[in-house]
Amino acid sequence: MNVLNYMNETGTSSIDTAALFNISSPGMIRNWKIKFEAGGYDTLVTKKKGRPSMNKETKRITKSKPAEGSVEALEARIKQLEMENAYLKKLNTLVQMQEKLPIKSKRK
């Protein structure tokens, strides 16, 4: 940001500014200027790359016990899972019955 401010205040070229600030490539300054004009200061700030690290706080939250107020929610979830299980058992029984039925072949 300091390089771009100096360049705007004094009106020097990117080559002169690169020599003054000991930057190896004047093209880099031109790229900074284009990015700044297009998107502002946020485009010049480098962003972290890669996966975020796991915080100790995140690990603690996953291992903690459920709150007392959520007992009703847990009971409702158990009830839902029991109904789901019963449905799947009935479906499995129907599929097995369909497989046992003889296959009728059509005659032409």
PDB file of N, CA and C in Angstrom:
ATOM      1  N   MET A   1       0.832  -1.180   0.000  1.00  0.00           N
ATOM      2  CA  MET A   1       0.000   0.000   0.000  1.00  0.00           C
ATOM      3  C   MET A   1       0.883   1.252   0.000  1.00  0.00           C
ATOM      4  N   ASN A   2       1.976   1.183   0.732  1.00  0.00           N
ATOM      5  CA  ASN A   2       2.892   2.330   0.786  1.00  0.00           C
ATOM      6  C   ASN A   2       3.479   2.620  -0.596  1.00  0.00           C
ATOM      7  N   VAL A   3       3.792   1.570  -1.332  1.00  0.00           N
ATOM      8  CA  VAL A   3       4.374   1.735  -2.664  1.00  0.00           C
ATOM      9  C   VAL A   3       3.374   2.427  -3.584  1.00  0.00           C
ATOM     10  N   LEU A   4       2.115   1.978  -3.546  1.00  0.00           N
ATOM     11  CA  LEU A   4       1.093   2.584  -4.406  1.00  0.00           C
ATOM     12  C   LEU A   4       0.798   4.019  -4.000  1.00  0.00           C
ATOM     13  N   ASN A   5       0.784   4.292  -2.697  1.00  0.00           N
ATOM     14  CA  ASN A   5       0.561   5.674  -2.239  1.00  0.00           C
ATOM     15  C   ASN A   5       1.685   6.591  -2.708  1.00  0.00           C
ATOM     16  N   TYR A   6       2.914   6.121  -2.578  1.00  0.00           N
ATOM     17  CA  TYR A   6       4.053   6.944  -3.009  1.00  0.00           C
ATOM     18  C   TYR A   6       3.971   7.203  -4.511  1.00  0.00           C
ATOM     19  N   MET A   7       3.620   6.173  -5.263  1.00  0.00           N
ATOM     20  CA  MET A   7       3.547   6.300  -6.710  1.00  0.00           C
ATOM     21  C   MET A   7       2.458   7.304  -7.114  1.00  0.00           C
ATOM     22  N   ASN A   8       1.319   7.278  -6.430  1.00  0.00           N
ATOM     23  CA  ASN A   8       0.233   8.217  -6.733  1.00  0.00           C
ATOM     24  C   ASN A   8       0.573   9.638  -6.322  1.00  0.00           C
ATOM     25  N   GLU A   9       1.229   9.824  -5.168  1.00  0.00           N
ATOM     26  CA  GLU A   9       1.544  11.168  -4.666  1.00  0.00           C
ATOM     27  C   GLU A   9       2.620  11.856  -5.504  1.00  0.00           C
ATOM     28  N   THR A  10       3.639  11.097  -5.880  1.00  0.00           N
ATOM     29  CA  THR A  10       4.751  11.721  -6.598  1.00  0.00           C
ATOM     30  C   THR A  10       4.597  11.629  -8.112  1.00  0.00           C
ATOM     31  N   GLY A  11       3.789  10.712  -8.600  1.00  0.00           N
ATOM     32  CA  GLY A  11       3.598  10.578 -10.038  1.00  0.00           C
ATOM     33  C   GLY A  11       4.738   9.857 -10.724  1.00  0.00           C
ATOM     34  N   THR A  12       5.502   9.086  -9.994  1.00  0.00           N
ATOM     35  CA  THR A  12       6.613   8.347 -10.609  1.00  0.00           C
ATOM     36  C   THR A  12       6.088   7.120 -11.340  1.00  0.00           C
ATOM     37  N   SER A  13       6.898   6.623 -12.243  1.00  0.00           N
ATOM     38  CA  SER A  13       6.512   5.442 -13.002  1.00  0.00           C
ATOM     39  C   SER A  13       6.736   4.191 -12.151  1.00  0.00           C
ATOM     40  N   SER A  14       6.218   3.083 -12.639  1.00  0.00           N
ATOM     41  CA  SER A  14       6.382   1.832 -11.888  1.00  0.00           C
ATOM     42  C   SER A  14       7.847   1.376 -11.897  1.00  0.00           C
ATOM     43  N   ILE A  15       8.576   1.720 -12.936  1.00  0.00           N
ATOM     44  CA  ILE A  15       9.992   1.352 -12.998  1.00  0.00           C
ATOM     45  C   ILE A  15      10.794   2.125 -11.957  1.00  0.00           C
ATOM     46  N   ASP A  16      10.554   3.440 -11.883  1.00  0.00           N
ATOM     47  CA  ASP A  16      11.266   4.262 -10.901  1.00  0.00           C
ATOM     48  C   ASP A  16      10.886   3.874  -9.476  1.00  0.00           C
ATOM     49  N   THR A  17       9.601   3.598  -9.262  1.00  0.00           N
ATOM     50  CA  THR A  17       9.137   3.225  -7.926  1.00  0.00           C
ATOM     51  C   THR A  17       9.726   1.877  -7.522  1.00  0.00           C
ATOM     52  N   ALA A  18       9.820   0.934  -8.450  1.00  0.00           N
ATOM     53  CA  ALA A  18      10.411  -0.369  -8.154  1.00  0.00           C
ATOM     54  C   ALA A  18      11.882  -0.222  -7.780  1.00  0.00           C
ATOM     55  N   ALA A  19      12.599   0.648  -8.470  1.00  0.00           N
ATOM     56  CA  ALA A  19      14.006   0.874  -8.156  1.00  0.00           C
ATOM     57  C   ALA A  19      14.155   1.531  -6.786  1.00  0.00           C
ATOM     58  N   LEU A  20      13.286   2.472  -6.474  1.00  0.00           N
ATOM     59  CA  LEU A  20      13.359   3.185  -5.195  1.00  0.00           C
ATOM     60  C   LEU A  20      13.058   2.276  -4.017  1.00  0.00           C
ATOM     61  N   PHE A  21      12.048   1.400  -4.148  1.00  0.00           N
ATOM     62  CA  PHE A  21      11.657   0.509  -3.052  1.00  0.00           C
ATOM     63  C   PHE A  21      12.364  -0.847  -3.119  1.00  0.00           C
ATOM     64  N   ASN A  22      13.306  -0.989  -4.061  1.00  0.00           N
ATOM     65  CA  ASN A  22      14.092  -2.204  -4.209  1.00  0.00           C
ATOM     66  C   ASN A  22      13.204  -3.428  -4.487  1.00  0.00           C
ATOM     67  N   ILE A  23      12.268  -3.249  -5.421  1.00  0.00           N
ATOM     68  CA  ILE A  23      11.403  -4.336  -5.862  1.00  0.00           C
ATOM     69  C   ILE A  23      11.923  -4.806  -7.211  1.00  0.00           C
ATOM     70  N   SER A  24      12.085  -6.121  -7.351  1.00  0.00           N
ATOM     71  CA  SER A  24      12.750  -6.655  -8.536  1.00  0.00           C
ATOM     72  C   SER A  24      11.949  -6.490  -9.821  1.00  0.00           C
ATOM     73  N   SER A  25      10.620  -6.449  -9.740  1.00  0.00           N
ATOM     74  CA  SER A  25       9.819  -6.415 -10.956  1.00  0.00           C
ATOM     75  C   SER A  25       8.843  -5.242 -10.945  1.00  0.00           C
ATOM     76  N   PRO A  26       8.971  -4.313 -11.899  1.00  0.00           N
ATOM     77  CA  PRO A  26       8.002  -3.224 -11.988  1.00  0.00           C
ATOM     78  C   PRO A  26       6.613  -3.721 -12.389  1.00  0.00           C
ATOM     79  N   GLY A  27       6.560  -4.885 -13.058  1.00  0.00           N
ATOM     80  CA  GLY A  27       5.278  -5.480 -13.430  1.00  0.00           C
ATOM     81  C   GLY A  27       4.439  -5.847 -12.214  1.00  0.00           C
ATOM     82  N   MET A  28       5.122  -6.202 -11.122  1.00  0.00           N
ATOM     83  CA  MET A  28       4.411  -6.527  -9.892  1.00  0.00           C
ATOM     84  C   MET A  28       3.671  -5.299  -9.365  1.00  0.00           C
ATOM     85  N   ILE A  29       4.307  -4.156  -9.457  1.00  0.00           N
ATOM     86  CA  ILE A  29       3.667  -2.911  -8.992  1.00  0.00           C
ATOM     87  C   ILE A  29       2.474  -2.584  -9.878  1.00  0.00           C
ATOM     88  N   ARG A  30       2.630  -2.792 -11.180  1.00  0.00           N
ATOM     89  CA  ARG A  30       1.495  -2.555 -12.088  1.00  0.00           C
ATOM     90  C   ARG A  30       0.325  -3.485 -11.749  1.00  0.00           C
ATOM     91  N   ASN A  31       0.627  -4.749 -11.442  1.00  0.00           N
ATOM     92  CA  ASN A  31      -0.428  -5.694 -11.047  1.00  0.00           C
ATOM     93  C   ASN A  31      -1.112  -5.239  -9.760  1.00  0.00           C
ATOM     94  N   TRP A  32      -0.319  -4.758  -8.792  1.00  0.00           N
ATOM     95  CA  TRP A  32      -0.902  -4.252  -7.533  1.00  0.00           C
ATOM     96  C   TRP A  32      -1.854  -3.098  -7.824  1.00  0.00           C
ATOM     97  N   LYS A  33      -1.411  -2.207  -8.711  1.00  0.00           N
ATOM     98  CA  LYS A  33      -2.222  -1.035  -9.030  1.00  0.00           C
ATOM     99  C   LYS A  33      -3.542  -1.447  -9.697  1.00  0.00           C
ATOM    100  N   ILE A  34      -3.468  -2.393 -10.621  1.00  0.00           N
ATOM    101  CA  ILE A  34      -4.684  -2.863 -11.310  1.00  0.00           C
ATOM    102  C   ILE A  34      -5.633  -3.519 -10.318  1.00  0.00           C
ATOM    103  N   LYS A  35      -5.088  -4.372  -9.446  1.00  0.00           N
ATOM    104  CA  LYS A  35      -5.927  -5.036  -8.447  1.00  0.00           C
ATOM    105  C   LYS A  35      -6.559  -4.030  -7.496  1.00  0.00           C
ATOM    106  N   PHE A  36      -5.776  -3.027  -7.084  1.00  0.00           N
ATOM    107  CA  PHE A  36      -6.288  -2.031  -6.153  1.00  0.00           C
ATOM    108  C   PHE A  36      -7.405  -1.211  -6.786  1.00  0.00           C
ATOM    109  N   GLU A  37      -7.224  -0.835  -8.040  1.00  0.00           N
ATOM    110  CA  GLU A  37      -8.249  -0.050  -8.728  1.00  0.00           C
ATOM    111  C   GLU A  37      -9.518  -0.869  -8.957  1.00  0.00           C
ATOM    112  N   ALA A  38      -9.377  -2.169  -9.160  1.00  0.00           N
ATOM    113  CA  ALA A  38     -10.540  -3.021  -9.427  1.00  0.00           C
ATOM    114  C   ALA A  38     -11.304  -3.369  -8.155  1.00  0.00           C
ATOM    115  N   GLY A  39     -10.590  -3.715  -7.080  1.00  0.00           N
ATOM    116  CA  GLY A  39     -11.282  -4.227  -5.900  1.00  0.00           C
ATOM    117  C   GLY A  39     -10.944  -3.577  -4.588  1.00  0.00           C
ATOM    118  N   GLY A  40     -10.040  -2.608  -4.584  1.00  0.00           N
ATOM    119  CA  GLY A  40      -9.705  -1.940  -3.336  1.00  0.00           C
ATOM    120  C   GLY A  40      -8.628  -2.668  -2.553  1.00  0.00           C
ATOM    121  N   TYR A  41      -8.514  -2.302  -1.294  1.00  0.00           N
ATOM    122  CA  TYR A  41      -7.449  -2.808  -0.421  1.00  0.00           C
ATOM    123  C   TYR A  41      -7.569  -4.311  -0.180  1.00  0.00           C
ATOM    124  N   ASP A  42      -8.801  -4.831  -0.107  1.00  0.00           N
ATOM    125  CA  ASP A  42      -9.004  -6.241   0.213  1.00  0.00           C
ATOM    126  C   ASP A  42      -8.386  -7.177  -0.823  1.00  0.00           C
ATOM    127  N   THR A  43      -8.290  -6.756  -2.060  1.00  0.00           N
ATOM    128  CA  THR A  43      -7.708  -7.621  -3.089  1.00  0.00           C
ATOM    129  C   THR A  43      -6.189  -7.716  -2.960  1.00  0.00           C
ATOM    130  N   LEU A  44      -5.572  -6.771  -2.284  1.00  0.00           N
ATOM    131  CA  LEU A  44      -4.118  -6.808  -2.099  1.00  0.00           C
ATOM    132  C   LEU A  44      -3.706  -7.691  -0.920  1.00  0.00           C
ATOM    133  N   VAL A  45      -4.603  -7.914   0.021  1.00  0.00           N
ATOM    134  CA  VAL A  45      -4.277  -8.704   1.206  1.00  0.00           C
ATOM    135  C   VAL A  45      -4.267 -10.178   0.824  1.00  0.00           C
ATOM    136  N   THR A  46      -3.190 -10.873   1.206  1.00  0.00           N
ATOM    137  CA  THR A  46      -3.106 -12.299   0.884  1.00  0.00           C
ATOM    138  C   THR A  46      -4.014 -13.079   1.819  1.00  0.00           C
ATOM    139  N   LYS A  47      -4.638 -14.097   1.273  1.00  0.00           N
ATOM    140  CA  LYS A  47      -5.546 -14.927   2.053  1.00  0.00           C
ATOM    141  C   LYS A  47      -4.849 -16.230   2.397  1.00  0.00           C
ATOM    142  N   LYS A  48      -5.211 -16.814   3.534  1.00  0.00           N
ATOM    143  CA  LYS A  48      -4.633 -18.085   3.940  1.00  0.00           C
ATOM    144  C   LYS A  48      -5.115 -19.178   3.006  1.00  0.00           C
ATOM    145  N   LYS A  49      -4.214 -20.090   2.690  1.00  0.00           N
ATOM    146  CA  LYS A  49      -4.552 -21.204   1.821  1.00  0.00           C
ATOM    147  C   LYS A  49      -4.537 -22.489   2.648  1.00  0.00           C
ATOM    148  N   GLY A  50      -5.288 -23.471   2.200  1.00  0.00           N
ATOM    149  CA  GLY A  50      -5.293 -24.767   2.857  1.00  0.00           C
ATOM    150  C   GLY A  50      -6.434 -24.898   3.844  1.00  0.00           C
ATOM    151  N   ARG A  51      -6.425 -26.003   4.549  1.00  0.00           N
ATOM    152  CA  ARG A  51      -7.476 -26.297   5.517  1.00  0.00           C
ATOM    153  C   ARG A  51      -7.220 -25.541   6.810  1.00  0.00           C
ATOM    154  N   PRO A  52      -8.283 -25.096   7.476  1.00  0.00           N
ATOM    155  CA  PRO A  52      -8.097 -24.449   8.775  1.00  0.00           C
ATOM    156  C   PRO A  52      -7.717 -25.488   9.824  1.00  0.00           C
ATOM    157  N   SER A  53      -6.932 -25.072  10.799  1.00  0.00           N
ATOM    158  CA  SER A  53      -6.501 -25.999  11.831  1.00  0.00           C
ATOM    159  C   SER A  53      -7.637 -26.256  12.813  1.00  0.00           C
ATOM    160  N   MET A  54      -7.592 -27.423  13.452  1.00  0.00           N
ATOM    161  CA  MET A  54      -8.602 -27.787  14.446  1.00  0.00           C
ATOM    162  C   MET A  54      -8.269 -27.086  15.764  1.00  0.00           C
ATOM    163  N   ASN A  55      -9.234 -26.371  16.290  1.00  0.00           N
ATOM    164  CA  ASN A  55      -9.040 -25.715  17.576  1.00  0.00           C
ATOM    165  C   ASN A  55      -9.382 -26.678  18.697  1.00  0.00           C
ATOM    166  N   LYS A  56      -8.782 -26.487  19.855  1.00  0.00           N
ATOM    167  CA  LYS A  56      -9.092 -27.319  21.008  1.00  0.00           C
ATOM    168  C   LYS A  56     -10.529 -27.099  21.443  1.00  0.00           C
ATOM    169  N   GLU A  57     -11.055 -25.892  21.254  1.00  0.00           N
ATOM    170  CA  GLU A  57     -12.421 -25.592  21.641  1.00  0.00           C
ATOM    171  C   GLU A  57     -13.407 -26.411  20.826  1.00  0.00           C
ATOM    172  N   THR A  58     -13.127 -26.604  19.556  1.00  0.00           N
ATOM    173  CA  THR A  58     -14.009 -27.377  18.687  1.00  0.00           C
ATOM    174  C   THR A  58     -14.065 -28.824  19.151  1.00  0.00           C
ATOM    175  N   LYS A  59     -12.935 -29.380  19.561  1.00  0.00           N
ATOM    176  CA  LYS A  59     -12.900 -30.757  20.037  1.00  0.00           C
ATOM    177  C   LYS A  59     -13.689 -30.906  21.325  1.00  0.00           C
ATOM    178  N   ARG A  60     -13.598 -29.933  22.209  1.00  0.00           N
ATOM    179  CA  ARG A  60     -14.323 -30.002  23.474  1.00  0.00           C
ATOM    180  C   ARG A  60     -15.825 -29.975  23.259  1.00  0.00           C
ATOM    181  N   ILE A  61     -16.276 -29.193  22.309  1.00  0.00           N
ATOM    182  CA  ILE A  61     -17.712 -29.060  22.067  1.00  0.00           C
ATOM    183  C   ILE A  61     -18.291 -30.396  21.607  1.00  0.00           C
ATOM    184  N   THR A  62     -17.585 -31.115  20.760  1.00  0.00           N
ATOM    185  CA  THR A  62     -18.119 -32.364  20.236  1.00  0.00           C
ATOM    186  C   THR A  62     -18.160 -33.454  21.301  1.00  0.00           C
ATOM    187  N   LYS A  63     -17.297 -33.388  22.313  1.00  0.00           N
ATOM    188  CA  LYS A  63     -17.257 -34.409  23.342  1.00  0.00           C
ATOM    189  C   LYS A  63     -18.146 -34.076  24.532  1.00  0.00           C
ATOM    190  N   SER A  64     -18.688 -32.886  24.597  1.00  0.00           N
ATOM    191  CA  SER A  64     -19.469 -32.487  25.764  1.00  0.00           C
ATOM    192  C   SER A  64     -20.799 -33.221  25.803  1.00  0.00           C
ATOM    193  N   LYS A  65     -21.367 -33.330  27.006  1.00  0.00           N
ATOM    194  CA  LYS A  65     -22.648 -34.000  27.201  1.00  0.00           C
ATOM    195  C   LYS A  65     -23.773 -33.069  26.773  1.00  0.00           C
ATOM    196  N   PRO A  66     -24.928 -33.635  26.346  1.00  0.00           N
ATOM    197  CA  PRO A  66     -26.047 -32.774  25.955  1.00  0.00           C
ATOM    198  C   PRO A  66     -26.615 -32.032  27.154  1.00  0.00           C
ATOM    199  N   ALA A  67     -27.184 -30.901  26.886  1.00  0.00           N
ATOM    200  CA  ALA A  67     -27.759 -30.072  27.944  1.00  0.00           C
ATOM    201  C   ALA A  67     -29.018 -30.725  28.490  1.00  0.00           C
ATOM    202  N   GLU A  68     -29.385 -30.374  29.730  1.00  0.00           N
ATOM    203  CA  GLU A  68     -30.566 -30.940  30.376  1.00  0.00           C
ATOM    204  C   GLU A  68     -31.845 -30.579  29.640  1.00  0.00           C
ATOM    205  N   GLY A  69     -31.913 -29.403  29.052  1.00  0.00           N
ATOM    206  CA  GLY A  69     -33.116 -28.940  28.371  1.00  0.00           C
ATOM    207  C   GLY A  69     -33.409 -29.693  27.086  1.00  0.00           C
ATOM    208  N   SER A  70     -32.445 -30.462  26.589  1.00  0.00           N
ATOM    209  CA  SER A  70     -32.645 -31.136  25.310  1.00  0.00           C
ATOM    210  C   SER A  70     -33.096 -32.583  25.468  1.00  0.00           C
ATOM    211  N   VAL A  71     -33.530 -32.979  26.650  1.00  0.00           N
ATOM    212  CA  VAL A  71     -33.982 -34.350  26.869  1.00  0.00           C
ATOM    213  C   VAL A  71     -35.191 -34.647  25.989  1.00  0.00           C
ATOM    214  N   GLU A  72     -36.108 -33.695  25.895  1.00  0.00           N
ATOM    215  CA  GLU A  72     -37.297 -33.893  25.067  1.00  0.00           C
ATOM    216  C   GLU A  72     -36.913 -34.054  23.605  1.00  0.00           C
ATOM    217  N   ALA A  73     -35.939 -33.267  23.173  1.00  0.00           N
ATOM    218  CA  ALA A  73     -35.492 -33.356  21.780  1.00  0.00           C
ATOM    219  C   ALA A  73     -34.864 -34.723  21.513  1.00  0.00           C
ATOM    220  N   LEU A  74     -34.099 -35.233  22.470  1.00  0.00           N
ATOM    221  CA  LEU A  74     -33.484 -36.550  22.301  1.00  0.00           C
ATOM    222  C   LEU A  74     -34.536 -37.651  22.282  1.00  0.00           C
ATOM    223  N   GLU A  75     -35.542 -37.539  23.139  1.00  0.00           N
ATOM    224  CA  GLU A  75     -36.613 -38.538  23.148  1.00  0.00           C
ATOM    225  C   GLU A  75     -37.377 -38.524  21.833  1.00  0.00           C
ATOM    226  N   ALA A  76     -37.605 -37.332  21.282  1.00  0.00           N
ATOM    227  CA  ALA A  76     -38.289 -37.230  19.995  1.00  0.00           C
ATOM    228  C   ALA A  76     -37.448 -37.863  18.896  1.00  0.00           C
ATOM    229  N   ARG A  77     -36.140 -37.664  18.955  1.00  0.00           N
ATOM    230  CA  ARG A  77     -35.237 -38.247  17.960  1.00  0.00           C
ATOM    231  C   ARG A  77     -35.241 -39.775  18.051  1.00  0.00           C
ATOM    232  N   ILE A  78     -35.252 -40.301  19.285  1.00  0.00           N
ATOM    233  CA  ILE A  78     -35.307 -41.752  19.471  1.00  0.00           C
ATOM    234  C   ILE A  78     -36.594 -42.305  18.878  1.00  0.00           C
ATOM    235  N   LYS A  79     -37.706 -41.632  19.149  1.00  0.00           N
ATOM    236  CA  LYS A  79     -39.005 -42.063  18.624  1.00  0.00           C
ATOM    237  C   LYS A  79     -38.981 -42.084  17.094  1.00  0.00           C
ATOM    238  N   GLN A  80     -38.403 -41.046  16.492  1.00  0.00           N
ATOM    239  CA  GLN A  80     -38.321 -40.973  15.034  1.00  0.00           C
ATOM    240  C   GLN A  80     -37.481 -42.123  14.484  1.00  0.00           C
ATOM    241  N   LEU A  81     -36.360 -42.421  15.120  1.00  0.00           N
ATOM    242  CA  LEU A  81     -35.491 -43.498  14.654  1.00  0.00           C
ATOM    243  C   LEU A  81     -36.159 -44.859  14.805  1.00  0.00           C
ATOM    244  N   GLU A  82     -36.936 -45.045  15.878  1.00  0.00           N
ATOM    245  CA  GLU A  82     -37.663 -46.296  16.059  1.00  0.00           C
ATOM    246  C   GLU A  82     -38.699 -46.488  14.951  1.00  0.00           C
ATOM    247  N   MET A  83     -39.397 -45.409  14.602  1.00  0.00           N
ATOM    248  CA  MET A  83     -40.385 -45.502  13.521  1.00  0.00           C
ATOM    249  C   MET A  83     -39.697 -45.807  12.189  1.00  0.00           C
ATOM    250  N   GLU A  84     -38.563 -45.172  11.967  1.00  0.00           N
ATOM    251  CA  GLU A  84     -37.804 -45.409  10.737  1.00  0.00           C
ATOM    252  C   GLU A  84     -37.357 -46.864  10.652  1.00  0.00           C
ATOM    253  N   ASN A  85     -36.899 -47.394  11.767  1.00  0.00           N
ATOM    254  CA  ASN A  85     -36.438 -48.782  11.833  1.00  0.00           C
ATOM    255  C   ASN A  85     -37.588 -49.742  11.547  1.00  0.00           C
ATOM    256  N   ALA A  86     -38.758 -49.502  12.137  1.00  0.00           N
ATOM    257  CA  ALA A  86     -39.919 -50.355  11.907  1.00  0.00           C
ATOM    258  C   ALA A  86     -40.329 -50.316  10.433  1.00  0.00           C
ATOM    259  N   TYR A  87     -40.298 -49.146   9.832  1.00  0.00           N
ATOM    260  CA  TYR A  87     -40.648 -49.009   8.414  1.00  0.00           C
ATOM    261  C   TYR A  87     -39.701 -49.821   7.541  1.00  0.00           C
ATOM    262  N   LEU A  88     -38.412 -49.721   7.820  1.00  0.00           N
ATOM    263  CA  LEU A  88     -37.421 -50.444   7.014  1.00  0.00           C
ATOM    264  C   LEU A  88     -37.569 -51.958   7.168  1.00  0.00           C
ATOM    265  N   LYS A  89     -37.931 -52.413   8.383  1.00  0.00           N
ATOM    266  CA  LYS A  89     -38.151 -53.846   8.581  1.00  0.00           C
ATOM    267  C   LYS A  89     -39.339 -54.326   7.759  1.00  0.00           C
ATOM    268  N   LYS A  90     -40.427 -53.567   7.750  1.00  0.00           N
ATOM    269  CA  LYS A  90     -41.600 -53.947   6.960  1.00  0.00           C
ATOM    270  C   LYS A  90     -41.273 -53.943   5.471  1.00  0.00           C
ATOM    271  N   LEU A  91     -40.532 -52.963   5.035  1.00  0.00           N
ATOM    272  CA  LEU A  91     -40.145 -52.884   3.634  1.00  0.00           C
ATOM    273  C   LEU A  91     -39.296 -54.082   3.248  1.00  0.00           C
ATOM    274  N   ASN A  92     -38.376 -54.464   4.103  1.00  0.00           N
ATOM    275  CA  ASN A  92     -37.516 -55.615   3.854  1.00  0.00           C
ATOM    276  C   ASN A  92     -38.362 -56.885   3.757  1.00  0.00           C
ATOM    277  N   THR A  93     -39.357 -57.038   4.624  1.00  0.00           N
ATOM    278  CA  THR A  93     -40.240 -58.197   4.593  1.00  0.00           C
ATOM    279  C   THR A  93     -41.007 -58.247   3.271  1.00  0.00           C
ATOM    280  N   LEU A  94     -41.525 -57.109   2.818  1.00  0.00           N
ATOM    281  CA  LEU A  94     -42.259 -57.064   1.552  1.00  0.00           C
ATOM    282  C   LEU A  94     -41.372 -57.440   0.370  1.00  0.00           C
ATOM    283  N   VAL A  95     -40.143 -56.965   0.376  1.00  0.00           N
ATOM    284  CA  VAL A  95     -39.220 -57.277  -0.716  1.00  0.00           C
ATOM    285  C   VAL A  95     -38.926 -58.767  -0.743  1.00  0.00           C
ATOM    286  N   GLN A  96     -38.733 -59.369   0.415  1.00  0.00           N
ATOM    287  CA  GLN A  96     -38.473 -60.802   0.477  1.00  0.00           C
ATOM    288  C   GLN A  96     -39.676 -61.604  -0.003  1.00  0.00           C
ATOM    289  N   MET A  97     -40.882 -61.150   0.313  1.00  0.00           N
ATOM    290  CA  MET A  97     -42.091 -61.830  -0.144  1.00  0.00           C
ATOM    291  C   MET A  97     -42.210 -61.738  -1.666  1.00  0.00           C
ATOM    292  N   GLN A  98     -41.860 -60.597  -2.241  1.00  0.00           N
ATOM    293  CA  GLN A  98     -41.914 -60.429  -3.695  1.00  0.00           C
ATOM    294  C   GLN A  98     -40.932 -61.368  -4.382  1.00  0.00           C
ATOM    295  N   GLU A  99     -39.784 -61.582  -3.772  1.00  0.00           N
ATOM    296  CA  GLU A  99     -38.775 -62.463  -4.367  1.00  0.00           C
ATOM    297  C   GLU A  99     -39.224 -63.921  -4.341  1.00  0.00           C
ATOM    298  N   LYS A 100     -40.034 -64.287  -3.341  1.00  0.00           N
ATOM    299  CA  LYS A 100     -40.474 -65.662  -3.218  1.00  0.00           C
ATOM    300  C   LYS A 100     -41.589 -66.010  -4.204  1.00  0.00           C
ATOM    301  N   LEU A 101     -42.327 -65.028  -4.682  1.00  0.00           N
ATOM    302  CA  LEU A 101     -43.409 -65.284  -5.615  1.00  0.00           C
ATOM    303  C   LEU A 101     -42.853 -65.817  -6.938  1.00  0.00           C
ATOM    304  N   PRO A 102     -43.542 -66.784  -7.537  1.00  0.00           N
ATOM    305  CA  PRO A 102     -43.051 -67.317  -8.821  1.00  0.00           C
ATOM    306  C   PRO A 102     -43.205 -66.276  -9.926  1.00  0.00           C
ATOM    307  N   ILE A 103     -42.243 -66.277 -10.808  1.00  0.00           N
ATOM    308  CA  ILE A 103     -42.252 -65.338 -11.927  1.00  0.00           C
ATOM    309  C   ILE A 103     -43.092 -65.939 -13.046  1.00  0.00           C
ATOM    310  N   LYS A 104     -44.097 -65.205 -13.497  1.00  0.00           N
ATOM    311  CA  LYS A 104     -44.951 -65.665 -14.572  1.00  0.00           C
ATOM    312  C   LYS A 104     -44.359 -65.201 -15.891  1.00  0.00           C
ATOM    313  N   SER A 105     -44.178 -66.131 -16.801  1.00  0.00           N
ATOM    314  CA  SER A 105     -43.652 -65.754 -18.107  1.00  0.00           C
ATOM    315  C   SER A 105     -44.813 -65.551 -19.061  1.00  0.00           C
ATOM    316  N   LYS A 106     -44.706 -64.578 -19.876  1.00  0.00           N
ATOM    317  CA  LYS A 106     -45.743 -64.270 -20.843  1.00  0.00           C
ATOM    318  C   LYS A 106     -45.491 -65.066 -22.110  1.00  0.00           C
ATOM    319  N   ARG A 107     -46.572 -65.658 -22.639  1.00  0.00           N
ATOM    320  CA  ARG A 107     -46.458 -66.388 -23.901  1.00  0.00           C
ATOM    321  C   ARG A 107     -47.004 -65.557 -25.029  1.00  0.00           C
ATOM    322  N   LYS A 108     -46.355 -65.631 -26.120  1.00  0.00           N
ATOM    323  CA  LYS A 108     -46.792 -64.856 -27.274  1.00  0.00           C
ATOM    324  C   LYS A 108     -47.505 -65.715 -28.266  1.00  0.00           C
TER     325      LYS A 108
END
